Amino acid sequence: VVTARAVAPLPELLEYCAPLAAVGGLLAFPKGHGWQQELDSAAGAMKELGCSLEAEVEMRSAVSATPIVLLVRKTATTAERYPRRPGIPRKRPL
């Protein structure tokens, strides 16, 4: 399991985290209110990095601003070229 919170938008976050997970592993990302837009923009990154969305888990808490946790399954090996040098994923997201 790989998880990260408040690090980057989902396409960038996937590039940093997917190489750390084994094939079959799970990535868990708590996301705020713009999560659907982030998920839509991450479709290409998921395909390129060998990942697929497994579930969208709703979180209900009076103390948390995170309405959802995205669970992403690592389905294939990530190419050796990822992650790219620091700053590149932000400037040129997959």
PDB file of N, CA and C in Angstrom:
ATOM      1  N   VAL A   1       0.850  -1.176   0.000  1.00  0.00           N
ATOM      2  CA  VAL A   1       0.000   0.000   0.000  1.00  0.00           C
ATOM      3  C   VAL A   1       0.893   1.236   0.000  1.00  0.00           C
ATOM      4  N   VAL A   2       0.569   2.167  -0.893  1.00  0.00           N
ATOM      5  CA  VAL A   2       1.244   3.459  -0.954  1.00  0.00           C
ATOM      6  C   VAL A   2       0.172   4.511  -0.746  1.00  0.00           C
ATOM      7  N   THR A   3       0.446   5.495   0.112  1.00  0.00           N
ATOM      8  CA  THR A   3      -0.523   6.558   0.335  1.00  0.00           C
ATOM      9  C   THR A   3       0.188   7.901   0.421  1.00  0.00           C
ATOM     10  N   ALA A   4      -0.541   8.948   0.111  1.00  0.00           N
ATOM     11  CA  ALA A   4      -0.012  10.304   0.198  1.00  0.00           C
ATOM     12  C   ALA A   4      -1.193  11.241   0.378  1.00  0.00           C
ATOM     13  N   ARG A   5      -0.972  12.295   1.143  1.00  0.00           N
ATOM     14  CA  ARG A   5      -2.044  13.250   1.407  1.00  0.00           C
ATOM     15  C   ARG A   5      -1.513  14.663   1.210  1.00  0.00           C
ATOM     16  N   ALA A   6      -2.256  15.477   0.480  1.00  0.00           N
ATOM     17  CA  ALA A   6      -1.941  16.891   0.273  1.00  0.00           C
ATOM     18  C   ALA A   6      -0.554  17.096  -0.328  1.00  0.00           C
ATOM     19  N   VAL A   7      -0.214  16.277  -1.322  1.00  0.00           N
ATOM     20  CA  VAL A   7       1.099  16.377  -1.962  1.00  0.00           C
ATOM     21  C   VAL A   7       1.003  17.105  -3.296  1.00  0.00           C
ATOM     22  N   ALA A   8       0.068  16.694  -4.148  1.00  0.00           N
ATOM     23  CA  ALA A   8      -0.003  17.221  -5.510  1.00  0.00           C
ATOM     24  C   ALA A   8      -1.328  16.811  -6.141  1.00  0.00           C
ATOM     25  N   PRO A   9      -1.658  17.423  -7.288  1.00  0.00           N
ATOM     26  CA  PRO A   9      -2.820  16.950  -8.044  1.00  0.00           C
ATOM     27  C   PRO A   9      -2.614  15.494  -8.461  1.00  0.00           C
ATOM     28  N   LEU A  10      -3.692  14.786  -8.699  1.00  0.00           N
ATOM     29  CA  LEU A  10      -3.640  13.344  -8.926  1.00  0.00           C
ATOM     30  C   LEU A  10      -2.702  12.894 -10.048  1.00  0.00           C
ATOM     31  N   PRO A  11      -2.674  13.530 -11.232  1.00  0.00           N
ATOM     32  CA  PRO A  11      -1.743  13.043 -12.261  1.00  0.00           C
ATOM     33  C   PRO A  11      -0.282  13.081 -11.793  1.00  0.00           C
ATOM     34  N   GLU A  12       0.091  14.144 -11.120  1.00  0.00           N
ATOM     35  CA  GLU A  12       1.453  14.286 -10.587  1.00  0.00           C
ATOM     36  C   GLU A  12       1.694  13.290  -9.453  1.00  0.00           C
ATOM     37  N   LEU A  13       0.733  13.158  -8.588  1.00  0.00           N
ATOM     38  CA  LEU A  13       0.842  12.240  -7.457  1.00  0.00           C
ATOM     39  C   LEU A  13       1.012  10.798  -7.923  1.00  0.00           C
ATOM     40  N   LEU A  14       0.269  10.409  -8.936  1.00  0.00           N
ATOM     41  CA  LEU A  14       0.409   9.058  -9.488  1.00  0.00           C
ATOM     42  C   LEU A  14       1.821   8.817 -10.007  1.00  0.00           C
ATOM     43  N   GLU A  15       2.387   9.812 -10.679  1.00  0.00           N
ATOM     44  CA  GLU A  15       3.735   9.642 -11.219  1.00  0.00           C
ATOM     45  C   GLU A  15       4.756   9.438 -10.107  1.00  0.00           C
ATOM     46  N   TYR A  16       4.593  10.124  -8.991  1.00  0.00           N
ATOM     47  CA  TYR A  16       5.519   9.956  -7.864  1.00  0.00           C
ATOM     48  C   TYR A  16       5.304   8.628  -7.139  1.00  0.00           C
ATOM     49  N   CYS A  17       4.062   8.197  -7.012  1.00  0.00           N
ATOM     50  CA  CYS A  17       3.753   7.044  -6.163  1.00  0.00           C
ATOM     51  C   CYS A  17       3.675   5.700  -6.883  1.00  0.00           C
ATOM     52  N   ALA A  18       3.218   5.669  -8.115  1.00  0.00           N
ATOM     53  CA  ALA A  18       3.043   4.393  -8.823  1.00  0.00           C
ATOM     54  C   ALA A  18       4.325   3.567  -8.892  1.00  0.00           C
ATOM     55  N   PRO A  19       5.496   4.173  -9.145  1.00  0.00           N
ATOM     56  CA  PRO A  19       6.714   3.354  -9.195  1.00  0.00           C
ATOM     57  C   PRO A  19       7.050   2.673  -7.862  1.00  0.00           C
ATOM     58  N   LEU A  20       6.509   3.167  -6.762  1.00  0.00           N
ATOM     59  CA  LEU A  20       6.784   2.590  -5.444  1.00  0.00           C
ATOM     60  C   LEU A  20       5.952   1.344  -5.153  1.00  0.00           C
ATOM     61  N   ALA A  21       4.847   1.185  -5.864  1.00  0.00           N
ATOM     62  CA  ALA A  21       3.934   0.066  -5.605  1.00  0.00           C
ATOM     63  C   ALA A  21       4.301  -1.144  -6.459  1.00  0.00           C
ATOM     64  N   ALA A  22       4.108  -2.322  -5.900  1.00  0.00           N
ATOM     65  CA  ALA A  22       4.285  -3.565  -6.658  1.00  0.00           C
ATOM     66  C   ALA A  22       3.053  -3.784  -7.532  1.00  0.00           C
ATOM     67  N   VAL A  23       3.216  -4.530  -8.607  1.00  0.00           N
ATOM     68  CA  VAL A  23       2.058  -4.888  -9.431  1.00  0.00           C
ATOM     69  C   VAL A  23       1.067  -5.640  -8.539  1.00  0.00           C
ATOM     70  N   GLY A  24      -0.171  -5.224  -8.566  1.00  0.00           N
ATOM     71  CA  GLY A  24      -1.197  -5.781  -7.691  1.00  0.00           C
ATOM     72  C   GLY A  24      -1.368  -4.966  -6.420  1.00  0.00           C
ATOM     73  N   GLY A  25      -0.440  -4.037  -6.166  1.00  0.00           N
ATOM     74  CA  GLY A  25      -0.496  -3.201  -4.969  1.00  0.00           C
ATOM     75  C   GLY A  25      -1.574  -2.133  -5.075  1.00  0.00           C
ATOM     76  N   LEU A  26      -1.829  -1.490  -3.951  1.00  0.00           N
ATOM     77  CA  LEU A  26      -2.894  -0.503  -3.857  1.00  0.00           C
ATOM     78  C   LEU A  26      -2.304   0.853  -3.492  1.00  0.00           C
ATOM     79  N   LEU A  27      -2.810   1.899  -4.123  1.00  0.00           N
ATOM     80  CA  LEU A  27      -2.447   3.272  -3.807  1.00  0.00           C
ATOM     81  C   LEU A  27      -3.698   3.944  -3.261  1.00  0.00           C
ATOM     82  N   ALA A  28      -3.593   4.641  -2.144  1.00  0.00           N
ATOM     83  CA  ALA A  28      -4.749   5.281  -1.510  1.00  0.00           C
ATOM     84  C   ALA A  28      -4.483   6.773  -1.382  1.00  0.00           C
ATOM     85  N   PHE A  29      -5.365   7.579  -1.988  1.00  0.00           N
ATOM     86  CA  PHE A  29      -5.178   9.022  -2.005  1.00  0.00           C
ATOM     87  C   PHE A  29      -6.421   9.734  -1.486  1.00  0.00           C
ATOM     88  N   PRO A  30      -6.366  10.316  -0.276  1.00  0.00           N
ATOM     89  CA  PRO A  30      -7.468  11.153   0.191  1.00  0.00           C
ATOM     90  C   PRO A  30      -7.530  12.413  -0.677  1.00  0.00           C
ATOM     91  N   LYS A  31      -8.715  12.780  -1.117  1.00  0.00           N
ATOM     92  CA  LYS A  31      -8.861  13.946  -1.978  1.00  0.00           C
ATOM     93  C   LYS A  31      -9.999  14.825  -1.493  1.00  0.00           C
ATOM     94  N   GLY A  32      -9.863  16.127  -1.756  1.00  0.00           N
ATOM     95  CA  GLY A  32     -10.852  17.109  -1.344  1.00  0.00           C
ATOM     96  C   GLY A  32     -11.957  17.288  -2.370  1.00  0.00           C
ATOM     97  N   HIS A  33     -12.573  18.446  -2.329  1.00  0.00           N
ATOM     98  CA  HIS A  33     -13.794  18.683  -3.102  1.00  0.00           C
ATOM     99  C   HIS A  33     -13.608  18.696  -4.614  1.00  0.00           C
ATOM    100  N   GLY A  34     -12.416  18.906  -5.138  1.00  0.00           N
ATOM    101  CA  GLY A  34     -12.207  18.885  -6.583  1.00  0.00           C
ATOM    102  C   GLY A  34     -11.776  17.528  -7.100  1.00  0.00           C
ATOM    103  N   TRP A  35     -12.084  16.476  -6.354  1.00  0.00           N
ATOM    104  CA  TRP A  35     -11.556  15.147  -6.673  1.00  0.00           C
ATOM    105  C   TRP A  35     -12.019  14.616  -8.027  1.00  0.00           C
ATOM    106  N   GLN A  36     -13.252  14.896  -8.429  1.00  0.00           N
ATOM    107  CA  GLN A  36     -13.759  14.360  -9.703  1.00  0.00           C
ATOM    108  C   GLN A  36     -12.992  14.947 -10.887  1.00  0.00           C
ATOM    109  N   GLN A  37     -12.709  16.237 -10.832  1.00  0.00           N
ATOM    110  CA  GLN A  37     -11.936  16.878 -11.896  1.00  0.00           C
ATOM    111  C   GLN A  37     -10.515  16.303 -11.932  1.00  0.00           C
ATOM    112  N   GLU A  38      -9.911  16.105 -10.756  1.00  0.00           N
ATOM    113  CA  GLU A  38      -8.577  15.498 -10.698  1.00  0.00           C
ATOM    114  C   GLU A  38      -8.595  14.093 -11.287  1.00  0.00           C
ATOM    115  N   LEU A  39      -9.612  13.339 -10.952  1.00  0.00           N
ATOM    116  CA  LEU A  39      -9.724  11.973 -11.461  1.00  0.00           C
ATOM    117  C   LEU A  39      -9.858  11.972 -12.987  1.00  0.00           C
ATOM    118  N   ASP A  40     -10.668  12.864 -13.517  1.00  0.00           N
ATOM    119  CA  ASP A  40     -10.830  12.965 -14.971  1.00  0.00           C
ATOM    120  C   ASP A  40      -9.509  13.314 -15.648  1.00  0.00           C
ATOM    121  N   SER A  41      -8.749  14.226 -15.051  1.00  0.00           N
ATOM    122  CA  SER A  41      -7.482  14.652 -15.657  1.00  0.00           C
ATOM    123  C   SER A  41      -6.382  13.605 -15.510  1.00  0.00           C
ATOM    124  N   ALA A  42      -6.591  12.597 -14.679  1.00  0.00           N
ATOM    125  CA  ALA A  42      -5.564  11.580 -14.428  1.00  0.00           C
ATOM    126  C   ALA A  42      -5.713  10.332 -15.293  1.00  0.00           C
ATOM    127  N   ALA A  43      -6.688  10.287 -16.179  1.00  0.00           N
ATOM    128  CA  ALA A  43      -6.927   9.077 -16.978  1.00  0.00           C
ATOM    129  C   ALA A  43      -5.696   8.676 -17.786  1.00  0.00           C
ATOM    130  N   GLY A  44      -5.061   9.620 -18.445  1.00  0.00           N
ATOM    131  CA  GLY A  44      -3.864   9.321 -19.232  1.00  0.00           C
ATOM    132  C   GLY A  44      -2.704   8.868 -18.373  1.00  0.00           C
ATOM    133  N   ALA A  45      -2.537   9.509 -17.219  1.00  0.00           N
ATOM    134  CA  ALA A  45      -1.455   9.135 -16.303  1.00  0.00           C
ATOM    135  C   ALA A  45      -1.660   7.716 -15.789  1.00  0.00           C
ATOM    136  N   MET A  46      -2.889   7.358 -15.454  1.00  0.00           N
ATOM    137  CA  MET A  46      -3.156   6.003 -14.963  1.00  0.00           C
ATOM    138  C   MET A  46      -2.778   4.967 -16.007  1.00  0.00           C
ATOM    139  N   LYS A  47      -3.164   5.212 -17.242  1.00  0.00           N
ATOM    140  CA  LYS A  47      -2.857   4.269 -18.317  1.00  0.00           C
ATOM    141  C   LYS A  47      -1.348   4.169 -18.525  1.00  0.00           C
ATOM    142  N   GLU A  48      -0.666   5.300 -18.587  1.00  0.00           N
ATOM    143  CA  GLU A  48       0.779   5.340 -18.827  1.00  0.00           C
ATOM    144  C   GLU A  48       1.568   4.670 -17.708  1.00  0.00           C
ATOM    145  N   LEU A  49       1.079   4.788 -16.473  1.00  0.00           N
ATOM    146  CA  LEU A  49       1.814   4.283 -15.311  1.00  0.00           C
ATOM    147  C   LEU A  49       1.399   2.876 -14.894  1.00  0.00           C
ATOM    148  N   GLY A  50       0.450   2.270 -15.595  1.00  0.00           N
ATOM    149  CA  GLY A  50       0.030   0.906 -15.284  1.00  0.00           C
ATOM    150  C   GLY A  50      -0.886   0.818 -14.082  1.00  0.00           C
ATOM    151  N   CYS A  51      -1.838   1.738 -13.997  1.00  0.00           N
ATOM    152  CA  CYS A  51      -2.761   1.782 -12.857  1.00  0.00           C
ATOM    153  C   CYS A  51      -4.205   1.859 -13.348  1.00  0.00           C
ATOM    154  N   SER A  52      -5.128   1.500 -12.460  1.00  0.00           N
ATOM    155  CA  SER A  52      -6.548   1.668 -12.755  1.00  0.00           C
ATOM    156  C   SER A  52      -7.293   1.971 -11.460  1.00  0.00           C
ATOM    157  N   LEU A  53      -8.364   2.743 -11.586  1.00  0.00           N
ATOM    158  CA  LEU A  53      -9.176   3.089 -10.423  1.00  0.00           C
ATOM    159  C   LEU A  53      -9.905   1.852  -9.934  1.00  0.00           C
ATOM    160  N   GLU A  54      -9.768   1.562  -8.654  1.00  0.00           N
ATOM    161  CA  GLU A  54     -10.460   0.416  -8.076  1.00  0.00           C
ATOM    162  C   GLU A  54     -11.728   0.835  -7.345  1.00  0.00           C
ATOM    163  N   ALA A  55     -11.661   1.954  -6.610  1.00  0.00           N
ATOM    164  CA  ALA A  55     -12.833   2.376  -5.845  1.00  0.00           C
ATOM    165  C   ALA A  55     -12.727   3.840  -5.452  1.00  0.00           C
ATOM    166  N   GLU A  56     -13.889   4.426  -5.218  1.00  0.00           N
ATOM    167  CA  GLU A  56     -14.008   5.765  -4.656  1.00  0.00           C
ATOM    168  C   GLU A  56     -14.720   5.583  -3.318  1.00  0.00           C
ATOM    169  N   VAL A  57     -14.002   5.739  -2.229  1.00  0.00           N
ATOM    170  CA  VAL A  57     -14.560   5.481  -0.904  1.00  0.00           C
ATOM    171  C   VAL A  57     -14.943   6.804  -0.257  1.00  0.00           C
ATOM    172  N   GLU A  58     -16.243   6.972   0.009  1.00  0.00           N
ATOM    173  CA  GLU A  58     -16.729   8.181   0.654  1.00  0.00           C
ATOM    174  C   GLU A  58     -16.351   8.192   2.126  1.00  0.00           C
ATOM    175  N   MET A  59     -15.882   9.336   2.590  1.00  0.00           N
ATOM    176  CA  MET A  59     -15.523   9.498   4.001  1.00  0.00           C
ATOM    177  C   MET A  59     -16.510  10.478   4.619  1.00  0.00           C
ATOM    178  N   ARG A  60     -17.110  10.083   5.707  1.00  0.00           N
ATOM    179  CA  ARG A  60     -18.042  10.974   6.403  1.00  0.00           C
ATOM    180  C   ARG A  60     -17.504  11.240   7.798  1.00  0.00           C
ATOM    181  N   SER A  61     -17.067  12.482   7.980  1.00  0.00           N
ATOM    182  CA  SER A  61     -16.488  12.855   9.258  1.00  0.00           C
ATOM    183  C   SER A  61     -16.706  14.343   9.485  1.00  0.00           C
ATOM    184  N   ALA A  62     -17.041  14.691  10.689  1.00  0.00           N
ATOM    185  CA  ALA A  62     -17.246  16.094  11.024  1.00  0.00           C
ATOM    186  C   ALA A  62     -15.925  16.848  11.114  1.00  0.00           C
ATOM    187  N   VAL A  63     -14.825  16.139  11.256  1.00  0.00           N
ATOM    188  CA  VAL A  63     -13.525  16.794  11.439  1.00  0.00           C
ATOM    189  C   VAL A  63     -12.633  16.725  10.206  1.00  0.00           C
ATOM    190  N   SER A  64     -13.050  16.039   9.169  1.00  0.00           N
ATOM    191  CA  SER A  64     -12.210  15.883   7.981  1.00  0.00           C
ATOM    192  C   SER A  64     -12.767  16.670   6.803  1.00  0.00           C
ATOM    193  N   ALA A  65     -11.871  17.358   6.089  1.00  0.00           N
ATOM    194  CA  ALA A  65     -12.258  18.081   4.880  1.00  0.00           C
ATOM    195  C   ALA A  65     -12.072  17.205   3.646  1.00  0.00           C
ATOM    196  N   THR A  66     -11.749  15.948   3.865  1.00  0.00           N
ATOM    197  CA  THR A  66     -11.509  15.020   2.764  1.00  0.00           C
ATOM    198  C   THR A  66     -12.756  14.175   2.544  1.00  0.00           C
ATOM    199  N   PRO A  67     -13.524  14.477   1.487  1.00  0.00           N
ATOM    200  CA  PRO A  67     -14.770  13.741   1.293  1.00  0.00           C
ATOM    201  C   PRO A  67     -14.600  12.358   0.677  1.00  0.00           C
ATOM    202  N   ILE A  68     -13.415  12.060   0.103  1.00  0.00           N
ATOM    203  CA  ILE A  68     -13.273  10.793  -0.606  1.00  0.00           C
ATOM    204  C   ILE A  68     -11.834  10.297  -0.562  1.00  0.00           C
ATOM    205  N   VAL A  69     -11.686   8.984  -0.605  1.00  0.00           N
ATOM    206  CA  VAL A  69     -10.367   8.366  -0.767  1.00  0.00           C
ATOM    207  C   VAL A  69     -10.420   7.583  -2.072  1.00  0.00           C
ATOM    208  N   LEU A  70      -9.506   7.899  -2.973  1.00  0.00           N
ATOM    209  CA  LEU A  70      -9.417   7.179  -4.242  1.00  0.00           C
ATOM    210  C   LEU A  70      -8.486   5.999  -4.061  1.00  0.00           C
ATOM    211  N   LEU A  71      -8.965   4.810  -4.386  1.00  0.00           N
ATOM    212  CA  LEU A  71      -8.147   3.604  -4.321  1.00  0.00           C
ATOM    213  C   LEU A  71      -7.778   3.212  -5.743  1.00  0.00           C
ATOM    214  N   VAL A  72      -6.483   3.161  -5.998  1.00  0.00           N
ATOM    215  CA  VAL A  72      -5.956   2.881  -7.331  1.00  0.00           C
ATOM    216  C   VAL A  72      -5.145   1.595  -7.259  1.00  0.00           C
ATOM    217  N   ARG A  73      -5.400   0.680  -8.178  1.00  0.00           N
ATOM    218  CA  ARG A  73      -4.691  -0.602  -8.226  1.00  0.00           C
ATOM    219  C   ARG A  73      -3.566  -0.509  -9.252  1.00  0.00           C
ATOM    220  N   LYS A  74      -2.384  -0.972  -8.873  1.00  0.00           N
ATOM    221  CA  LYS A  74      -1.252  -1.053  -9.812  1.00  0.00           C
ATOM    222  C   LYS A  74      -1.441  -2.339 -10.604  1.00  0.00           C
ATOM    223  N   THR A  75      -1.676  -2.221 -11.918  1.00  0.00           N
ATOM    224  CA  THR A  75      -2.016  -3.378 -12.742  1.00  0.00           C
ATOM    225  C   THR A  75      -0.890  -3.831 -13.655  1.00  0.00           C
ATOM    226  N   ALA A  76       0.129  -3.002 -13.820  1.00  0.00           N
ATOM    227  CA  ALA A  76       1.241  -3.343 -14.717  1.00  0.00           C
ATOM    228  C   ALA A  76       2.509  -2.656 -14.224  1.00  0.00           C
ATOM    229  N   THR A  77       3.632  -3.112 -14.714  1.00  0.00           N
ATOM    230  CA  THR A  77       4.912  -2.515 -14.347  1.00  0.00           C
ATOM    231  C   THR A  77       4.993  -1.096 -14.899  1.00  0.00           C
ATOM    232  N   THR A  78       5.522  -0.179 -14.100  1.00  0.00           N
ATOM    233  CA  THR A  78       5.731   1.199 -14.534  1.00  0.00           C
ATOM    234  C   THR A  78       7.080   1.294 -15.235  1.00  0.00           C
ATOM    235  N   ALA A  79       7.126   1.996 -16.337  1.00  0.00           N
ATOM    236  CA  ALA A  79       8.371   2.158 -17.099  1.00  0.00           C
ATOM    237  C   ALA A  79       9.459   2.793 -16.230  1.00  0.00           C
ATOM    238  N   GLU A  80      10.692   2.421 -16.488  1.00  0.00           N
ATOM    239  CA  GLU A  80      11.845   2.912 -15.719  1.00  0.00           C
ATOM    240  C   GLU A  80      11.990   4.427 -15.771  1.00  0.00           C
ATOM    241  N   ARG A  81      11.455   5.070 -16.797  1.00  0.00           N
ATOM    242  CA  ARG A  81      11.631   6.525 -16.944  1.00  0.00           C
ATOM    243  C   ARG A  81      10.800   7.330 -15.943  1.00  0.00           C
ATOM    244  N   TYR A  82       9.966   6.662 -15.168  1.00  0.00           N
ATOM    245  CA  TYR A  82       9.135   7.343 -14.167  1.00  0.00           C
ATOM    246  C   TYR A  82       9.601   7.018 -12.769  1.00  0.00           C
ATOM    247  N   PRO A  83       9.540   7.970 -11.847  1.00  0.00           N
ATOM    248  CA  PRO A  83       9.127   9.347 -12.059  1.00  0.00           C
ATOM    249  C   PRO A  83      10.212  10.157 -12.764  1.00  0.00           C
ATOM    250  N   ARG A  84       9.778  11.199 -13.456  1.00  0.00           N
ATOM    251  CA  ARG A  84      10.720  12.088 -14.119  1.00  0.00           C
ATOM    252  C   ARG A  84      11.384  12.998 -13.091  1.00  0.00           C
ATOM    253  N   ARG A  85      12.337  13.787 -13.523  1.00  0.00           N
ATOM    254  CA  ARG A  85      13.071  14.687 -12.616  1.00  0.00           C
ATOM    255  C   ARG A  85      12.111  15.589 -11.840  1.00  0.00           C
ATOM    256  N   PRO A  86      12.509  16.014 -10.624  1.00  0.00           N
ATOM    257  CA  PRO A  86      11.646  16.896  -9.825  1.00  0.00           C
ATOM    258  C   PRO A  86      11.212  18.131 -10.619  1.00  0.00           C
ATOM    259  N   GLY A  87       9.954  18.452 -10.503  1.00  0.00           N
ATOM    260  CA  GLY A  87       9.391  19.621 -11.161  1.00  0.00           C
ATOM    261  C   GLY A  87       8.778  19.332 -12.522  1.00  0.00           C
ATOM    262  N   ILE A  88       9.273  18.322 -13.219  1.00  0.00           N
ATOM    263  CA  ILE A  88       8.770  18.010 -14.559  1.00  0.00           C
ATOM    264  C   ILE A  88       7.317  17.515 -14.519  1.00  0.00           C
ATOM    265  N   PRO A  89       6.948  16.627 -13.578  1.00  0.00           N
ATOM    266  CA  PRO A  89       5.544  16.191 -13.539  1.00  0.00           C
ATOM    267  C   PRO A  89       4.561  17.353 -13.336  1.00  0.00           C
ATOM    268  N   ARG A  90       4.968  18.380 -12.621  1.00  0.00           N
ATOM    269  CA  ARG A  90       4.079  19.528 -12.404  1.00  0.00           C
ATOM    270  C   ARG A  90       3.995  20.381 -13.676  1.00  0.00           C
ATOM    271  N   LYS A  91       5.151  20.586 -14.321  1.00  0.00           N
ATOM    272  CA  LYS A  91       5.177  21.422 -15.528  1.00  0.00           C
ATOM    273  C   LYS A  91       4.526  20.732 -16.723  1.00  0.00           C
ATOM    274  N   ARG A  92       4.748  19.426 -16.842  1.00  0.00           N
ATOM    275  CA  ARG A  92       4.217  18.658 -17.976  1.00  0.00           C
ATOM    276  C   ARG A  92       3.551  17.382 -17.471  1.00  0.00           C
ATOM    277  N   PRO A  93       2.351  17.489 -16.887  1.00  0.00           N
ATOM    278  CA  PRO A  93       1.675  16.291 -16.368  1.00  0.00           C
ATOM    279  C   PRO A  93       1.365  15.296 -17.484  1.00  0.00           C
ATOM    280  N   LEU A  94       1.332  14.022 -17.108  1.00  0.00           N
ATOM    281  CA  LEU A  94       1.008  12.973 -18.088  1.00  0.00           C
ATOM    282  C   LEU A  94      -0.440  13.085 -18.531  1.00  0.00           C
TER     283      LEU A  94
END
